[in-house]
Amino acid sequence: MSNVLDCIVDRRSIREYKDDEIDNNRLYSILEAGRWAPSGLNNQPWHFILIDDQNQISRLSKLTKYRETMEMSKALIAIFLDKNESYNRTKDIQAIGAACQNMLLAIHSLDLGAVWNGEILNQKQEAEKVLNTPDNLELMAVICIGKPIEKERKSDRKPLSEIVHKNKYGQEI
């Protein structure tokens, strides 16, 4: 397993997958990583739905403009905010983001690929119907997972000097 900093820098959003199946041990390890994300007051305001049935994946894929990526996925993880467990919406949504990032890093460390699909939130009510969720669960994201098709993927970031300030805004580091 790579160290965390290497995983953070090396991870990319993967949108094309091979037809290889993903074993349940890997999927449960990914879910375990999400479960261990930090949350305010340790309220763990999330629910995860693991979707590996191709019919269910196909139904969800019709709700996003990233249909092709979703249909190539061998598994999806839908991440929900449990409004009954929420004590501060902003902090709880941040915790959901941390759970998503934990899962994305776990996926990368397991030599799988993934992309965080937030665009499906434009059809959130329809997705919640497909997944038969109760009213207290609000869809926050869907992570598409598969064995990545090998190709070069590059990404860059703004330099720290453009985004980090020392002691107050406008002071350079």
N, C-alpha and C. Protein backbone atom coordinates (compact mmCIF):
# COMPACT_ATOMS: atom_id res chain seq x y z
N MET A 1 0.85 -1.18 0.00
CA MET A 1 0.00 0.00 0.00
C MET A 1 0.90 1.24 0.00
N SER A 2 0.55 2.22 -0.82
CA SER A 2 1.30 3.47 -0.88
C SER A 2 1.07 4.27 0.39
N ASN A 3 1.98 5.20 0.65
CA ASN A 3 1.70 6.05 1.80
C ASN A 3 0.63 7.07 1.40
N VAL A 4 0.02 7.70 2.39
CA VAL A 4 -1.13 8.56 2.15
C VAL A 4 -0.79 9.74 1.24
N LEU A 5 0.33 10.39 1.46
CA LEU A 5 0.67 11.54 0.63
C LEU A 5 0.84 11.15 -0.83
N ASP A 6 1.46 10.00 -1.08
CA ASP A 6 1.58 9.52 -2.46
C ASP A 6 0.20 9.27 -3.07
N CYS A 7 -0.68 8.65 -2.31
CA CYS A 7 -2.04 8.39 -2.81
C CYS A 7 -2.76 9.69 -3.14
N ILE A 8 -2.62 10.70 -2.28
CA ILE A 8 -3.29 11.98 -2.52
C ILE A 8 -2.80 12.60 -3.82
N VAL A 9 -1.50 12.61 -4.03
CA VAL A 9 -0.93 13.24 -5.22
C VAL A 9 -1.17 12.41 -6.48
N ASP A 10 -1.11 11.10 -6.38
CA ASP A 10 -1.22 10.22 -7.55
C ASP A 10 -2.65 9.93 -7.98
N ARG A 11 -3.62 10.05 -7.09
CA ARG A 11 -5.00 9.71 -7.41
C ARG A 11 -5.55 10.62 -8.49
N ARG A 12 -6.29 10.07 -9.41
CA ARG A 12 -6.97 10.81 -10.48
C ARG A 12 -8.41 10.34 -10.58
N SER A 13 -9.25 11.19 -11.14
CA SER A 13 -10.62 10.78 -11.45
C SER A 13 -10.56 9.88 -12.67
N ILE A 14 -11.06 8.67 -12.52
CA ILE A 14 -11.02 7.67 -13.59
C ILE A 14 -12.45 7.47 -14.10
N ARG A 15 -12.61 7.63 -15.40
CA ARG A 15 -13.95 7.57 -16.01
C ARG A 15 -14.11 6.44 -17.01
N GLU A 16 -13.05 5.63 -17.19
CA GLU A 16 -13.12 4.51 -18.14
C GLU A 16 -12.60 3.26 -17.45
N TYR A 17 -13.40 2.20 -17.51
CA TYR A 17 -13.08 0.99 -16.77
C TYR A 17 -13.07 -0.25 -17.66
N LYS A 18 -12.25 -1.20 -17.26
CA LYS A 18 -12.24 -2.52 -17.89
C LYS A 18 -13.49 -3.28 -17.46
N ASP A 19 -13.71 -4.41 -18.06
CA ASP A 19 -14.88 -5.23 -17.74
C ASP A 19 -14.63 -6.17 -16.56
N ASP A 20 -13.54 -5.99 -15.83
CA ASP A 20 -13.18 -6.86 -14.71
C ASP A 20 -14.11 -6.65 -13.52
N GLU A 21 -14.49 -7.74 -12.89
CA GLU A 21 -15.29 -7.66 -11.67
C GLU A 21 -14.44 -7.18 -10.50
N ILE A 22 -15.08 -6.69 -9.46
CA ILE A 22 -14.39 -6.26 -8.24
C ILE A 22 -14.85 -7.16 -7.11
N ASP A 23 -13.89 -7.75 -6.41
CA ASP A 23 -14.28 -8.68 -5.35
C ASP A 23 -14.84 -7.93 -4.14
N ASN A 24 -15.70 -8.63 -3.40
CA ASN A 24 -16.39 -8.03 -2.27
C ASN A 24 -15.43 -7.55 -1.18
N ASN A 25 -14.31 -8.24 -0.97
CA ASN A 25 -13.37 -7.80 0.06
C ASN A 25 -12.87 -6.38 -0.23
N ARG A 26 -12.57 -6.08 -1.48
CA ARG A 26 -12.14 -4.73 -1.84
C ARG A 26 -13.26 -3.72 -1.61
N LEU A 27 -14.46 -4.08 -2.02
CA LEU A 27 -15.60 -3.16 -1.84
C LEU A 27 -15.85 -2.88 -0.36
N TYR A 28 -15.77 -3.91 0.48
CA TYR A 28 -15.99 -3.70 1.91
C TYR A 28 -14.85 -2.89 2.53
N SER A 29 -13.64 -3.04 2.03
CA SER A 29 -12.52 -2.22 2.50
C SER A 29 -12.76 -0.75 2.18
N ILE A 30 -13.31 -0.49 1.01
CA ILE A 30 -13.63 0.89 0.60
C ILE A 30 -14.70 1.48 1.52
N LEU A 31 -15.73 0.70 1.78
CA LEU A 31 -16.79 1.16 2.68
C LEU A 31 -16.26 1.38 4.10
N GLU A 32 -15.37 0.52 4.52
CA GLU A 32 -14.75 0.68 5.84
C GLU A 32 -13.97 1.99 5.93
N ALA A 33 -13.27 2.35 4.85
CA ALA A 33 -12.54 3.62 4.81
C ALA A 33 -13.51 4.79 4.96
N GLY A 34 -14.65 4.72 4.30
CA GLY A 34 -15.65 5.77 4.44
C GLY A 34 -16.20 5.85 5.85
N ARG A 35 -16.41 4.72 6.46
CA ARG A 35 -16.96 4.65 7.82
C ARG A 35 -16.05 5.34 8.83
N TRP A 36 -14.74 5.32 8.57
CA TRP A 36 -13.77 5.88 9.51
C TRP A 36 -13.46 7.35 9.27
N ALA A 37 -14.22 8.01 8.43
CA ALA A 37 -14.01 9.45 8.22
C ALA A 37 -14.36 10.22 9.49
N PRO A 38 -13.73 11.36 9.68
CA PRO A 38 -14.07 12.18 10.85
C PRO A 38 -15.42 12.85 10.67
N SER A 39 -16.11 13.07 11.78
CA SER A 39 -17.37 13.81 11.76
C SER A 39 -17.51 14.55 13.08
N GLY A 40 -18.17 15.69 13.04
CA GLY A 40 -18.39 16.49 14.24
C GLY A 40 -19.16 15.69 15.28
N LEU A 41 -18.69 15.73 16.51
CA LEU A 41 -19.29 14.97 17.62
C LEU A 41 -19.33 13.47 17.35
N ASN A 42 -18.57 13.02 16.36
CA ASN A 42 -18.57 11.61 15.94
C ASN A 42 -19.99 11.12 15.64
N ASN A 43 -20.80 12.01 15.05
CA ASN A 43 -22.19 11.62 14.78
C ASN A 43 -22.35 10.72 13.57
N GLN A 44 -21.30 10.61 12.73
CA GLN A 44 -21.32 9.70 11.58
C GLN A 44 -22.65 9.82 10.80
N PRO A 45 -22.86 11.01 10.20
CA PRO A 45 -24.17 11.32 9.62
C PRO A 45 -24.41 10.73 8.23
N TRP A 46 -23.86 9.58 7.95
CA TRP A 46 -23.92 9.04 6.59
C TRP A 46 -24.55 7.66 6.54
N HIS A 47 -25.02 7.36 5.36
CA HIS A 47 -25.40 6.00 4.98
C HIS A 47 -24.80 5.79 3.60
N PHE A 48 -24.38 4.56 3.34
CA PHE A 48 -23.82 4.21 2.04
C PHE A 48 -24.67 3.10 1.44
N ILE A 49 -24.96 3.20 0.17
CA ILE A 49 -25.62 2.11 -0.55
C ILE A 49 -24.62 1.61 -1.59
N LEU A 50 -24.22 0.36 -1.45
CA LEU A 50 -23.34 -0.30 -2.41
C LEU A 50 -24.22 -0.88 -3.51
N ILE A 51 -23.93 -0.51 -4.74
CA ILE A 51 -24.75 -0.93 -5.89
C ILE A 51 -23.84 -1.69 -6.84
N ASP A 52 -24.07 -3.01 -6.96
CA ASP A 52 -23.28 -3.81 -7.89
C ASP A 52 -24.16 -4.58 -8.87
N ASP A 53 -25.45 -4.35 -8.82
CA ASP A 53 -26.39 -4.96 -9.75
C ASP A 53 -26.45 -4.10 -11.03
N GLN A 54 -26.12 -4.68 -12.17
CA GLN A 54 -26.03 -3.92 -13.41
C GLN A 54 -27.36 -3.28 -13.80
N ASN A 55 -28.48 -3.91 -13.47
CA ASN A 55 -29.78 -3.30 -13.77
C ASN A 55 -29.97 -2.02 -12.96
N GLN A 56 -29.58 -2.05 -11.70
CA GLN A 56 -29.71 -0.88 -10.84
C GLN A 56 -28.73 0.22 -11.29
N ILE A 57 -27.51 -0.18 -11.68
CA ILE A 57 -26.53 0.78 -12.20
C ILE A 57 -27.09 1.44 -13.46
N SER A 58 -27.70 0.66 -14.33
CA SER A 58 -28.27 1.18 -15.57
C SER A 58 -29.40 2.18 -15.27
N ARG A 59 -30.24 1.87 -14.30
CA ARG A 59 -31.33 2.79 -13.94
C ARG A 59 -30.78 4.12 -13.45
N LEU A 60 -29.74 4.07 -12.61
CA LEU A 60 -29.15 5.30 -12.10
C LEU A 60 -28.42 6.07 -13.20
N SER A 61 -27.80 5.34 -14.12
CA SER A 61 -27.01 6.00 -15.17
C SER A 61 -27.88 6.89 -16.05
N LYS A 62 -29.15 6.58 -16.14
CA LYS A 62 -30.06 7.39 -16.96
C LYS A 62 -30.34 8.76 -16.34
N LEU A 63 -29.88 8.96 -15.10
CA LEU A 63 -30.14 10.20 -14.39
C LEU A 63 -28.96 11.17 -14.41
N THR A 64 -27.94 10.86 -15.18
CA THR A 64 -26.75 11.72 -15.23
C THR A 64 -26.24 11.85 -16.65
N LYS A 65 -25.63 12.98 -16.93
CA LYS A 65 -25.03 13.14 -18.26
C LYS A 65 -23.75 12.31 -18.37
N TYR A 66 -23.28 11.74 -17.26
CA TYR A 66 -22.11 10.85 -17.27
C TYR A 66 -22.54 9.39 -17.32
N ARG A 67 -23.56 9.14 -18.09
CA ARG A 67 -24.17 7.82 -18.21
C ARG A 67 -23.15 6.74 -18.59
N GLU A 68 -22.32 7.04 -19.58
CA GLU A 68 -21.36 6.04 -20.07
C GLU A 68 -20.40 5.59 -18.97
N THR A 69 -19.88 6.55 -18.21
CA THR A 69 -18.97 6.21 -17.12
C THR A 69 -19.67 5.34 -16.09
N MET A 70 -20.88 5.71 -15.74
CA MET A 70 -21.61 4.95 -14.74
C MET A 70 -21.91 3.54 -15.24
N GLU A 71 -22.27 3.41 -16.51
CA GLU A 71 -22.59 2.09 -17.05
C GLU A 71 -21.36 1.18 -17.14
N MET A 72 -20.17 1.76 -17.29
CA MET A 72 -18.93 0.97 -17.31
C MET A 72 -18.53 0.52 -15.91
N SER A 73 -19.05 1.19 -14.89
CA SER A 73 -18.68 0.88 -13.50
C SER A 73 -19.14 -0.50 -13.11
N LYS A 74 -18.31 -1.17 -12.32
CA LYS A 74 -18.70 -2.48 -11.80
C LYS A 74 -19.38 -2.34 -10.44
N ALA A 75 -19.23 -1.17 -9.83
CA ALA A 75 -19.91 -0.90 -8.56
C ALA A 75 -20.05 0.61 -8.41
N LEU A 76 -21.09 0.99 -7.70
CA LEU A 76 -21.30 2.38 -7.32
C LEU A 76 -21.48 2.41 -5.81
N ILE A 77 -21.09 3.51 -5.22
CA ILE A 77 -21.43 3.75 -3.82
C ILE A 77 -22.17 5.08 -3.78
N ALA A 78 -23.43 5.02 -3.37
CA ALA A 78 -24.22 6.22 -3.17
C ALA A 78 -24.05 6.64 -1.71
N ILE A 79 -23.74 7.92 -1.50
CA ILE A 79 -23.48 8.43 -0.16
C ILE A 79 -24.59 9.40 0.20
N PHE A 80 -25.14 9.19 1.37
CA PHE A 80 -26.29 9.96 1.84
C PHE A 80 -26.01 10.64 3.16
N LEU A 81 -26.60 11.82 3.32
CA LEU A 81 -26.66 12.50 4.61
C LEU A 81 -27.91 12.00 5.31
N ASP A 82 -27.75 11.50 6.53
CA ASP A 82 -28.89 11.10 7.35
C ASP A 82 -29.32 12.33 8.14
N LYS A 83 -30.40 12.96 7.70
CA LYS A 83 -30.86 14.20 8.33
C LYS A 83 -31.27 13.99 9.78
N ASN A 84 -31.63 12.77 10.15
CA ASN A 84 -31.97 12.48 11.55
C ASN A 84 -30.74 12.47 12.45
N GLU A 85 -29.57 12.23 11.88
CA GLU A 85 -28.32 12.21 12.65
C GLU A 85 -27.58 13.54 12.58
N SER A 86 -28.09 14.46 11.81
CA SER A 86 -27.40 15.73 11.57
C SER A 86 -27.62 16.70 12.73
N TYR A 87 -26.55 17.36 13.14
CA TYR A 87 -26.69 18.41 14.15
C TYR A 87 -26.27 19.77 13.59
N ASN A 88 -25.48 19.78 12.52
CA ASN A 88 -25.07 21.02 11.87
C ASN A 88 -24.85 20.67 10.40
N ARG A 89 -25.73 21.16 9.55
CA ARG A 89 -25.73 20.74 8.14
C ARG A 89 -24.37 20.97 7.48
N THR A 90 -23.77 22.13 7.68
CA THR A 90 -22.47 22.41 7.05
C THR A 90 -21.42 21.42 7.51
N LYS A 91 -21.29 21.23 8.82
CA LYS A 91 -20.29 20.29 9.33
C LYS A 91 -20.56 18.87 8.86
N ASP A 92 -21.84 18.50 8.80
CA ASP A 92 -22.18 17.15 8.39
C ASP A 92 -21.91 16.92 6.90
N ILE A 93 -22.14 17.93 6.08
CA ILE A 93 -21.81 17.79 4.66
C ILE A 93 -20.29 17.73 4.49
N GLN A 94 -19.54 18.47 5.30
CA GLN A 94 -18.09 18.37 5.27
C GLN A 94 -17.65 16.96 5.65
N ALA A 95 -18.31 16.36 6.63
CA ALA A 95 -17.99 14.98 7.03
C ALA A 95 -18.27 14.01 5.88
N ILE A 96 -19.36 14.23 5.16
CA ILE A 96 -19.67 13.41 4.00
C ILE A 96 -18.54 13.53 2.97
N GLY A 97 -18.05 14.75 2.75
CA GLY A 97 -16.93 14.96 1.84
C GLY A 97 -15.69 14.21 2.29
N ALA A 98 -15.45 14.20 3.60
CA ALA A 98 -14.30 13.45 4.13
C ALA A 98 -14.49 11.95 3.89
N ALA A 99 -15.71 11.46 4.06
CA ALA A 99 -15.98 10.03 3.81
C ALA A 99 -15.75 9.71 2.34
N CYS A 100 -16.18 10.60 1.45
CA CYS A 100 -15.95 10.39 0.01
C CYS A 100 -14.45 10.36 -0.29
N GLN A 101 -13.71 11.30 0.27
CA GLN A 101 -12.27 11.34 0.02
C GLN A 101 -11.58 10.09 0.58
N ASN A 102 -11.97 9.66 1.77
CA ASN A 102 -11.40 8.42 2.31
C ASN A 102 -11.63 7.26 1.35
N MET A 103 -12.84 7.16 0.81
CA MET A 103 -13.15 6.06 -0.10
C MET A 103 -12.35 6.19 -1.40
N LEU A 104 -12.24 7.40 -1.93
CA LEU A 104 -11.47 7.59 -3.17
C LEU A 104 -10.01 7.20 -2.97
N LEU A 105 -9.44 7.55 -1.82
CA LEU A 105 -8.05 7.18 -1.55
C LEU A 105 -7.91 5.67 -1.36
N ALA A 106 -8.88 5.06 -0.70
CA ALA A 106 -8.86 3.60 -0.54
C ALA A 106 -8.96 2.92 -1.90
N ILE A 107 -9.83 3.41 -2.74
CA ILE A 107 -9.99 2.84 -4.08
C ILE A 107 -8.67 2.90 -4.83
N HIS A 108 -8.01 4.05 -4.79
CA HIS A 108 -6.72 4.21 -5.47
C HIS A 108 -5.69 3.25 -4.89
N SER A 109 -5.65 3.12 -3.57
CA SER A 109 -4.65 2.25 -2.94
C SER A 109 -4.89 0.78 -3.27
N LEU A 110 -6.11 0.43 -3.68
CA LEU A 110 -6.45 -0.94 -4.04
C LEU A 110 -6.31 -1.18 -5.55
N ASP A 111 -5.63 -0.27 -6.24
CA ASP A 111 -5.41 -0.36 -7.68
C ASP A 111 -6.70 -0.40 -8.49
N LEU A 112 -7.69 0.31 -7.99
CA LEU A 112 -8.94 0.50 -8.71
C LEU A 112 -9.03 1.96 -9.11
N GLY A 113 -10.02 2.27 -9.91
CA GLY A 113 -10.24 3.65 -10.31
C GLY A 113 -11.63 4.09 -9.93
N ALA A 114 -11.80 5.40 -9.77
CA ALA A 114 -13.11 5.93 -9.37
C ALA A 114 -13.24 7.38 -9.79
N VAL A 115 -14.48 7.80 -9.85
CA VAL A 115 -14.78 9.22 -10.04
C VAL A 115 -15.96 9.55 -9.14
N TRP A 116 -15.90 10.72 -8.56
CA TRP A 116 -16.94 11.25 -7.68
C TRP A 116 -17.96 11.94 -8.58
N ASN A 117 -19.17 11.39 -8.67
CA ASN A 117 -20.21 11.97 -9.51
C ASN A 117 -21.14 12.80 -8.64
N GLY A 118 -21.05 14.10 -8.78
CA GLY A 118 -21.96 15.00 -8.09
C GLY A 118 -23.04 15.52 -9.02
N GLU A 119 -22.83 15.37 -10.32
CA GLU A 119 -23.79 15.88 -11.30
C GLU A 119 -25.15 15.20 -11.15
N ILE A 120 -25.15 13.96 -10.67
CA ILE A 120 -26.41 13.24 -10.49
C ILE A 120 -27.32 13.93 -9.47
N LEU A 121 -26.75 14.83 -8.67
CA LEU A 121 -27.57 15.56 -7.69
C LEU A 121 -28.62 16.42 -8.36
N ASN A 122 -28.43 16.74 -9.64
CA ASN A 122 -29.46 17.47 -10.38
C ASN A 122 -30.73 16.64 -10.53
N GLN A 123 -30.61 15.34 -10.34
CA GLN A 123 -31.76 14.42 -10.40
C GLN A 123 -31.88 13.64 -9.09
N LYS A 124 -31.55 14.30 -8.00
CA LYS A 124 -31.46 13.63 -6.69
C LYS A 124 -32.75 12.92 -6.28
N GLN A 125 -33.89 13.56 -6.47
CA GLN A 125 -35.15 12.93 -6.05
C GLN A 125 -35.41 11.64 -6.83
N GLU A 126 -35.11 11.66 -8.12
CA GLU A 126 -35.31 10.46 -8.94
C GLU A 126 -34.34 9.35 -8.50
N ALA A 127 -33.10 9.71 -8.22
CA ALA A 127 -32.12 8.72 -7.75
C ALA A 127 -32.55 8.13 -6.42
N GLU A 128 -33.06 8.96 -5.54
CA GLU A 128 -33.53 8.47 -4.23
C GLU A 128 -34.70 7.50 -4.40
N LYS A 129 -35.55 7.74 -5.40
CA LYS A 129 -36.65 6.81 -5.69
C LYS A 129 -36.10 5.47 -6.18
N VAL A 130 -35.13 5.52 -7.11
CA VAL A 130 -34.52 4.28 -7.63
C VAL A 130 -33.92 3.47 -6.49
N LEU A 131 -33.32 4.16 -5.52
CA LEU A 131 -32.63 3.49 -4.41
C LEU A 131 -33.55 3.25 -3.21
N ASN A 132 -34.81 3.65 -3.33
CA ASN A 132 -35.83 3.36 -2.32
C ASN A 132 -35.44 3.88 -0.93
N THR A 133 -34.91 5.10 -0.89
CA THR A 133 -34.44 5.63 0.39
C THR A 133 -35.57 6.32 1.15
N PRO A 134 -35.50 6.27 2.46
CA PRO A 134 -36.50 6.99 3.27
C PRO A 134 -36.25 8.50 3.19
N ASP A 135 -37.23 9.28 3.62
CA ASP A 135 -37.16 10.74 3.52
C ASP A 135 -36.01 11.36 4.28
N ASN A 136 -35.51 10.69 5.32
CA ASN A 136 -34.43 11.27 6.12
C ASN A 136 -33.06 11.17 5.43
N LEU A 137 -32.97 10.41 4.35
CA LEU A 137 -31.69 10.29 3.64
C LEU A 137 -31.68 11.19 2.41
N GLU A 138 -30.63 12.03 2.32
CA GLU A 138 -30.47 12.95 1.20
C GLU A 138 -29.20 12.59 0.44
N LEU A 139 -29.34 12.32 -0.85
CA LEU A 139 -28.20 11.95 -1.68
C LEU A 139 -27.19 13.09 -1.74
N MET A 140 -25.91 12.75 -1.50
CA MET A 140 -24.83 13.73 -1.54
C MET A 140 -23.87 13.47 -2.70
N ALA A 141 -23.68 12.21 -3.10
CA ALA A 141 -22.73 11.87 -4.17
C ALA A 141 -22.91 10.41 -4.55
N VAL A 142 -22.39 10.08 -5.71
CA VAL A 142 -22.27 8.68 -6.13
C VAL A 142 -20.84 8.50 -6.62
N ILE A 143 -20.17 7.49 -6.09
CA ILE A 143 -18.82 7.17 -6.54
C ILE A 143 -18.90 5.99 -7.49
N CYS A 144 -18.38 6.19 -8.71
CA CYS A 144 -18.30 5.13 -9.71
C CYS A 144 -16.96 4.42 -9.55
N ILE A 145 -16.96 3.08 -9.58
CA ILE A 145 -15.75 2.30 -9.32
C ILE A 145 -15.56 1.24 -10.40
N GLY A 146 -14.31 1.05 -10.80
CA GLY A 146 -13.98 -0.01 -11.74
C GLY A 146 -12.48 -0.20 -11.81
N LYS A 147 -12.08 -1.21 -12.55
CA LYS A 147 -10.66 -1.43 -12.83
C LYS A 147 -10.29 -0.47 -13.95
N PRO A 148 -9.33 0.43 -13.72
CA PRO A 148 -9.07 1.48 -14.71
C PRO A 148 -8.48 0.96 -16.02
N ILE A 149 -8.93 1.55 -17.11
CA ILE A 149 -8.26 1.34 -18.39
C ILE A 149 -6.96 2.12 -18.31
N GLU A 150 -5.86 1.45 -18.64
CA GLU A 150 -4.55 2.09 -18.51
C GLU A 150 -4.34 3.14 -19.58
N LYS A 151 -4.04 4.33 -19.14
CA LYS A 151 -3.64 5.42 -20.03
C LYS A 151 -3.04 6.51 -19.16
N GLU A 152 -2.29 7.39 -19.80
CA GLU A 152 -1.66 8.47 -19.04
C GLU A 152 -2.71 9.48 -18.62
N ARG A 153 -2.66 9.85 -17.36
CA ARG A 153 -3.57 10.86 -16.82
C ARG A 153 -2.74 11.91 -16.11
N LYS A 154 -2.95 13.15 -16.50
CA LYS A 154 -2.19 14.24 -15.89
C LYS A 154 -3.15 15.21 -15.22
N SER A 155 -2.64 15.88 -14.24
CA SER A 155 -3.40 16.92 -13.57
C SER A 155 -2.39 17.89 -12.97
N ASP A 156 -2.81 19.10 -12.81
CA ASP A 156 -1.93 20.04 -12.13
C ASP A 156 -2.76 20.84 -11.14
N ARG A 157 -2.07 21.56 -10.31
CA ARG A 157 -2.71 22.36 -9.28
C ARG A 157 -2.09 23.75 -9.27
N LYS A 158 -2.84 24.69 -8.78
CA LYS A 158 -2.31 26.03 -8.61
C LYS A 158 -1.15 25.96 -7.62
N PRO A 159 -0.15 26.82 -7.79
CA PRO A 159 0.94 26.83 -6.82
C PRO A 159 0.45 27.32 -5.45
N LEU A 160 1.08 26.84 -4.40
CA LEU A 160 0.71 27.26 -3.05
C LEU A 160 0.74 28.78 -2.91
N SER A 161 1.66 29.43 -3.58
CA SER A 161 1.78 30.89 -3.47
C SER A 161 0.52 31.61 -3.94
N GLU A 162 -0.32 30.95 -4.75
CA GLU A 162 -1.57 31.57 -5.22
C GLU A 162 -2.74 31.33 -4.29
N ILE A 163 -2.63 30.33 -3.43
CA ILE A 163 -3.81 29.95 -2.63
C ILE A 163 -3.58 29.96 -1.12
N VAL A 164 -2.33 30.14 -0.70
CA VAL A 164 -2.04 30.14 0.74
C VAL A 164 -1.58 31.53 1.14
N HIS A 165 -2.10 31.97 2.25
CA HIS A 165 -1.74 33.28 2.81
C HIS A 165 -1.24 33.04 4.22
N LYS A 166 -0.34 33.89 4.68
CA LYS A 166 0.24 33.69 6.00
C LYS A 166 -0.30 34.75 6.96
N ASN A 167 -0.91 34.28 7.99
CA ASN A 167 -1.44 35.09 9.09
C ASN A 167 -2.67 35.90 8.73
N LYS A 168 -2.79 36.41 7.52
CA LYS A 168 -3.99 37.09 7.07
C LYS A 168 -3.98 37.11 5.54
N TYR A 169 -5.15 37.32 4.97
CA TYR A 169 -5.28 37.31 3.52
C TYR A 169 -4.38 38.38 2.92
N GLY A 170 -3.71 38.00 1.84
CA GLY A 170 -2.87 38.93 1.13
C GLY A 170 -1.41 38.88 1.49
N GLN A 171 -1.06 38.24 2.60
CA GLN A 171 0.33 38.11 2.95
C GLN A 171 0.87 36.82 2.36
N GLU A 172 2.01 36.91 1.70
CA GLU A 172 2.59 35.75 1.06
C GLU A 172 3.23 34.83 2.08
N ILE A 173 3.32 33.56 1.69
CA ILE A 173 3.99 32.59 2.57
C ILE A 173 5.48 32.62 2.34
